[in-house]
Amino acid sequence: MSLTERQVILKVEISTDEAAKQLLQDENASWSRPAAYAIAEYYEQLQEDCEAEIEFCWVAIRCYYSEYKSIQEAADLHSLTDEQNHTDEYCLDWFRDRTTVLLTDGDAVVIQDF
């Protein structure tokens, strides 16, 4: 960078509510309201736990997470329940052993793709 060029970095802090709203406005994703808030709250808690700033990028979130109507739907799509029926608790534990699982206020779950 030459002396005449300036690099400007703009940081904007957003609330959990604003993060959820950004997720809901993403036309290339179809988050439910409970899932959007579960994701936003997860990132807020992660930032507090790590004591570090986290860049919120709804595009990356869309690429790394998927929403399912239930833990059983997720299990079916990951071939977990092909041979036998597993309880919701078993399925949750199975996913939690492998990835991040976010529970919503309803039956839906958000799972980090793996």
C-alpha atoms as a PDB file:
ATOM      1  CA  MET A   1       0.000   0.000   0.000  1.00  0.00           C
ATOM      2  CA  SER A   2       1.414   3.369  -0.949  1.00  0.00           C
ATOM      3  CA  LEU A   3       1.465   6.358   1.342  1.00  0.00           C
ATOM      4  CA  THR A   4      -1.437   7.910  -0.559  1.00  0.00           C
ATOM      5  CA  GLU A   5      -3.714   4.901  -0.047  1.00  0.00           C
ATOM      6  CA  ARG A   6      -5.681   4.378   3.130  1.00  0.00           C
ATOM      7  CA  GLN A   7      -7.240   1.207   4.301  1.00  0.00           C
ATOM      8  CA  VAL A   8     -10.398   1.638   6.314  1.00  0.00           C
ATOM      9  CA  ILE A   9     -11.860  -1.179   8.343  1.00  0.00           C
ATOM     10  CA  LEU A  10     -15.352  -0.618   9.603  1.00  0.00           C
ATOM     11  CA  LYS A  11     -16.675  -2.766  12.417  1.00  0.00           C
ATOM     12  CA  VAL A  12     -20.314  -2.713  13.327  1.00  0.00           C
ATOM     13  CA  GLU A  13     -21.629  -4.391  16.449  1.00  0.00           C
ATOM     14  CA  ILE A  14     -25.060  -5.900  16.044  1.00  0.00           C
ATOM     15  CA  SER A  15     -27.506  -7.209  18.596  1.00  0.00           C
ATOM     16  CA  THR A  16     -28.741 -10.772  18.746  1.00  0.00           C
ATOM     17  CA  ASP A  17     -32.066  -9.532  17.412  1.00  0.00           C
ATOM     18  CA  GLU A  18     -30.391  -7.827  14.447  1.00  0.00           C
ATOM     19  CA  ALA A  19     -28.322 -10.942  13.674  1.00  0.00           C
ATOM     20  CA  ALA A  20     -31.486 -13.061  13.640  1.00  0.00           C
ATOM     21  CA  LYS A  21     -33.202 -10.529  11.375  1.00  0.00           C
ATOM     22  CA  GLN A  22     -30.267 -10.663   8.934  1.00  0.00           C
ATOM     23  CA  LEU A  23     -30.551 -14.446   8.818  1.00  0.00           C
ATOM     24  CA  LEU A  24     -34.295 -14.225   8.179  1.00  0.00           C
ATOM     25  CA  GLN A  25     -33.727 -11.730   5.335  1.00  0.00           C
ATOM     26  CA  ASP A  26     -31.215 -13.993   3.568  1.00  0.00           C
ATOM     27  CA  GLU A  27     -33.008 -14.874   0.323  1.00  0.00           C
ATOM     28  CA  ASN A  28     -30.723 -17.867  -0.273  1.00  0.00           C
ATOM     29  CA  ALA A  29     -31.605 -19.530   3.014  1.00  0.00           C
ATOM     30  CA  SER A  30     -34.935 -20.450   4.506  1.00  0.00           C
ATOM     31  CA  TRP A  31     -34.393 -20.210   8.248  1.00  0.00           C
ATOM     32  CA  SER A  32     -37.400 -20.371  10.478  1.00  0.00           C
ATOM     33  CA  ARG A  33     -37.668 -17.636  13.091  1.00  0.00           C
ATOM     34  CA  PRO A  34     -36.790 -20.038  15.968  1.00  0.00           C
ATOM     35  CA  ALA A  35     -33.750 -21.329  14.045  1.00  0.00           C
ATOM     36  CA  ALA A  36     -32.508 -17.824  13.221  1.00  0.00           C
ATOM     37  CA  TYR A  37     -32.704 -16.827  16.876  1.00  0.00           C
ATOM     38  CA  ALA A  38     -31.036 -20.079  18.003  1.00  0.00           C
ATOM     39  CA  ILE A  39     -28.108 -19.365  15.665  1.00  0.00           C
ATOM     40  CA  ALA A  40     -27.812 -15.726  16.719  1.00  0.00           C
ATOM     41  CA  GLU A  41     -27.931 -16.663  20.412  1.00  0.00           C
ATOM     42  CA  TYR A  42     -25.335 -19.402  19.839  1.00  0.00           C
ATOM     43  CA  TYR A  43     -22.894 -16.926  18.292  1.00  0.00           C
ATOM     44  CA  GLU A  44     -23.527 -14.421  21.074  1.00  0.00           C
ATOM     45  CA  GLN A  45     -22.767 -17.075  23.707  1.00  0.00           C
ATOM     46  CA  LEU A  46     -19.740 -18.333  21.774  1.00  0.00           C
ATOM     47  CA  GLN A  47     -18.314 -14.815  21.658  1.00  0.00           C
ATOM     48  CA  GLU A  48     -18.811 -14.420  25.414  1.00  0.00           C
ATOM     49  CA  ASP A  49     -17.320 -17.840  26.183  1.00  0.00           C
ATOM     50  CA  CYS A  50     -14.263 -17.271  23.975  1.00  0.00           C
ATOM     51  CA  GLU A  51     -13.845 -13.659  25.085  1.00  0.00           C
ATOM     52  CA  ALA A  52     -13.105 -12.758  21.487  1.00  0.00           C
ATOM     53  CA  GLU A  53     -14.826 -10.857  18.727  1.00  0.00           C
ATOM     54  CA  ILE A  54     -16.580 -13.039  16.189  1.00  0.00           C
ATOM     55  CA  GLU A  55     -17.398 -11.790  12.729  1.00  0.00           C
ATOM     56  CA  PHE A  56     -21.037 -12.509  11.932  1.00  0.00           C
ATOM     57  CA  CYS A  57     -21.392 -13.658   8.322  1.00  0.00           C
ATOM     58  CA  TRP A  58     -24.821 -14.911   7.313  1.00  0.00           C
ATOM     59  CA  VAL A  59     -23.390 -16.320   4.061  1.00  0.00           C
ATOM     60  CA  ALA A  60     -20.972 -18.563   5.956  1.00  0.00           C
ATOM     61  CA  ILE A  61     -23.722 -19.602   8.355  1.00  0.00           C
ATOM     62  CA  ARG A  62     -25.925 -20.581   5.410  1.00  0.00           C
ATOM     63  CA  CYS A  63     -23.070 -22.743   4.085  1.00  0.00           C
ATOM     64  CA  TYR A  64     -22.155 -24.405   7.394  1.00  0.00           C
ATOM     65  CA  TYR A  65     -25.503 -25.057   9.069  1.00  0.00           C
ATOM     66  CA  SER A  66     -28.748 -26.788   8.126  1.00  0.00           C
ATOM     67  CA  GLU A  67     -32.164 -26.645   9.743  1.00  0.00           C
ATOM     68  CA  TYR A  68     -34.296 -29.749  10.175  1.00  0.00           C
ATOM     69  CA  LYS A  69     -37.929 -29.962  11.261  1.00  0.00           C
ATOM     70  CA  SER A  70     -36.932 -32.418  13.989  1.00  0.00           C
ATOM     71  CA  ILE A  71     -33.967 -34.399  15.219  1.00  0.00           C
ATOM     72  CA  GLN A  72     -35.578 -37.486  13.694  1.00  0.00           C
ATOM     73  CA  GLU A  73     -35.652 -35.818  10.255  1.00  0.00           C
ATOM     74  CA  ALA A  74     -31.942 -35.044  10.604  1.00  0.00           C
ATOM     75  CA  ALA A  75     -31.270 -38.625  11.696  1.00  0.00           C
ATOM     76  CA  ASP A  76     -33.217 -40.024   8.736  1.00  0.00           C
ATOM     77  CA  LEU A  77     -31.335 -37.833   6.264  1.00  0.00           C
ATOM     78  CA  HIS A  78     -27.996 -38.901   7.771  1.00  0.00           C
ATOM     79  CA  SER A  79     -29.009 -42.599   7.579  1.00  0.00           C
ATOM     80  CA  LEU A  80     -28.936 -42.947  11.342  1.00  0.00           C
ATOM     81  CA  THR A  81     -32.369 -44.535  11.593  1.00  0.00           C
ATOM     82  CA  ASP A  82     -32.284 -46.890   8.592  1.00  0.00           C
ATOM     83  CA  GLU A  83     -32.075 -50.138  10.514  1.00  0.00           C
ATOM     84  CA  GLN A  84     -33.642 -49.245  13.840  1.00  0.00           C
ATOM     85  CA  ASN A  85     -35.662 -46.503  15.434  1.00  0.00           C
ATOM     86  CA  HIS A  86     -33.686 -44.404  17.874  1.00  0.00           C
ATOM     87  CA  THR A  87     -35.018 -42.067  20.515  1.00  0.00           C
ATOM     88  CA  ASP A  88     -34.647 -38.312  20.151  1.00  0.00           C
ATOM     89  CA  GLU A  89     -32.144 -38.370  23.008  1.00  0.00           C
ATOM     90  CA  TYR A  90     -30.011 -40.992  21.270  1.00  0.00           C
ATOM     91  CA  CYS A  91     -30.070 -39.006  18.015  1.00  0.00           C
ATOM     92  CA  LEU A  92     -29.164 -35.754  19.792  1.00  0.00           C
ATOM     93  CA  ASP A  93     -26.230 -37.454  21.529  1.00  0.00           C
ATOM     94  CA  TRP A  94     -25.120 -39.026  18.241  1.00  0.00           C
ATOM     95  CA  PHE A  95     -25.019 -35.627  16.508  1.00  0.00           C
ATOM     96  CA  ARG A  96     -23.496 -33.839  19.507  1.00  0.00           C
ATOM     97  CA  ASP A  97     -20.620 -36.349  19.467  1.00  0.00           C
ATOM     98  CA  ARG A  98     -19.866 -35.252  15.898  1.00  0.00           C
ATOM     99  CA  THR A  99     -20.884 -31.617  15.504  1.00  0.00           C
ATOM    100  CA  THR A 100     -22.703 -28.591  16.901  1.00  0.00           C
ATOM    101  CA  VAL A 101     -26.424 -28.981  17.512  1.00  0.00           C
ATOM    102  CA  LEU A 102     -28.661 -26.008  18.262  1.00  0.00           C
ATOM    103  CA  LEU A 103     -32.111 -26.574  19.689  1.00  0.00           C
ATOM    104  CA  THR A 104     -34.888 -24.124  18.884  1.00  0.00           C
ATOM    105  CA  ASP A 105     -37.975 -23.103  20.824  1.00  0.00           C
ATOM    106  CA  GLY A 106     -39.950 -25.601  18.712  1.00  0.00           C
ATOM    107  CA  ASP A 107     -39.119 -29.077  17.447  1.00  0.00           C
ATOM    108  CA  ALA A 108     -36.672 -27.858  14.794  1.00  0.00           C
ATOM    109  CA  VAL A 109     -32.928 -28.300  15.195  1.00  0.00           C
ATOM    110  CA  VAL A 110     -29.991 -26.598  13.523  1.00  0.00           C
ATOM    111  CA  ILE A 111     -26.990 -28.807  12.871  1.00  0.00           C
ATOM    112  CA  GLN A 112     -23.548 -27.759  11.742  1.00  0.00           C
ATOM    113  CA  ASP A 113     -22.843 -29.701   8.566  1.00  0.00           C
ATOM    114  CA  PHE A 114     -20.111 -32.284   8.816  1.00  0.00           C
END
